[in-house]
Amino acid sequence: MNTNPALQKRSLCVGMPVRDLLFRIETVPTRGQKVRASHFEELSGGHASNAAVAITRLGGEARLCGFPAR
């Protein structure tokens, strides 16, 4: 990888950052049945967000441009 900042490739990732809510359940509920989740996790996502994270993890420089979902 080139360490010269003038020659390093940069990326602009454009898209809508989103928030994923993950609920872990033991069984798939039947219609109308309610089940309690055994685990909850909140993750950031979206195509542009994920691409920006991957680029930086690979050593590149990335910027994210987008509006959060409403």
Protein backbone atom coordinates (compact mmCIF):
# COMPACT_ATOMS: atom_id res chain seq x y z
CA MET A 1 0.00 0.00 0.00
CA ASN A 2 1.25 3.45 -0.86
CA THR A 3 1.85 5.57 2.27
CA ASN A 4 2.11 8.84 0.34
CA PRO A 5 -1.14 10.71 1.27
CA ALA A 6 -1.26 12.44 -2.11
CA LEU A 7 -1.33 9.09 -3.91
CA GLN A 8 -3.56 7.16 -1.50
CA LYS A 9 -6.98 6.33 -2.90
CA ARG A 10 -9.98 7.72 -1.06
CA SER A 11 -13.60 6.66 -1.22
CA LEU A 12 -16.84 8.52 -0.68
CA CYS A 13 -19.64 6.12 0.29
CA VAL A 14 -23.09 7.59 -0.33
CA GLY A 15 -26.17 5.96 1.12
CA MET A 16 -28.61 5.77 3.99
CA PRO A 17 -27.14 4.59 7.31
CA VAL A 18 -29.60 2.37 9.15
CA ARG A 19 -29.92 0.73 12.54
CA ASP A 20 -30.56 -3.02 12.71
CA LEU A 21 -32.34 -4.50 15.73
CA LEU A 22 -31.52 -8.17 16.28
CA PHE A 23 -33.71 -10.35 18.53
CA ARG A 24 -32.72 -13.95 19.27
CA ILE A 25 -35.60 -16.35 19.91
CA GLU A 26 -35.57 -20.10 20.60
CA THR A 27 -38.36 -21.13 18.19
CA VAL A 28 -40.23 -19.59 15.28
CA PRO A 29 -43.58 -18.39 16.65
CA THR A 30 -46.83 -19.58 15.17
CA ARG A 31 -49.32 -17.05 13.83
CA GLY A 32 -50.46 -14.74 16.63
CA GLN A 33 -48.08 -16.27 19.19
CA LYS A 34 -45.78 -14.01 21.19
CA VAL A 35 -42.38 -15.20 22.33
CA ARG A 36 -39.78 -13.58 24.54
CA ALA A 37 -36.36 -12.84 23.07
CA SER A 38 -33.37 -14.34 24.86
CA HIS A 39 -30.94 -11.79 23.42
CA PHE A 40 -31.09 -8.31 21.90
CA GLU A 41 -28.41 -6.53 19.87
CA GLU A 42 -28.38 -3.17 18.10
CA LEU A 43 -26.08 -2.81 15.07
CA SER A 44 -25.39 -0.12 12.52
CA GLY A 45 -25.72 -1.05 8.89
CA GLY A 46 -26.66 -0.03 5.40
CA HIS A 47 -24.74 -0.64 2.18
CA ALA A 48 -22.72 2.58 2.30
CA SER A 49 -21.93 2.28 6.02
CA ASN A 50 -20.79 -1.31 5.65
CA ALA A 51 -18.64 -0.43 2.63
CA ALA A 52 -16.98 2.47 4.51
CA VAL A 53 -16.15 0.19 7.45
CA ALA A 54 -14.70 -2.48 5.12
CA ILE A 55 -12.57 0.09 3.26
CA THR A 56 -11.07 1.46 6.46
CA ARG A 57 -10.44 -2.04 7.85
CA LEU A 58 -8.50 -2.78 4.66
CA GLY A 59 -6.37 0.31 5.23
CA GLY A 60 -8.13 2.75 2.93
CA GLU A 61 -9.66 6.12 3.66
CA ALA A 62 -13.44 6.39 3.47
CA ARG A 63 -16.03 9.08 4.10
CA LEU A 64 -19.74 8.49 4.56
CA CYS A 65 -22.37 10.82 3.12
CA GLY A 66 -26.05 10.22 3.77
CA PHE A 67 -29.12 11.02 5.82
CA PRO A 68 -30.31 8.67 8.58
CA ALA A 69 -33.59 6.87 8.02
CA ARG A 70 -36.64 8.34 9.71
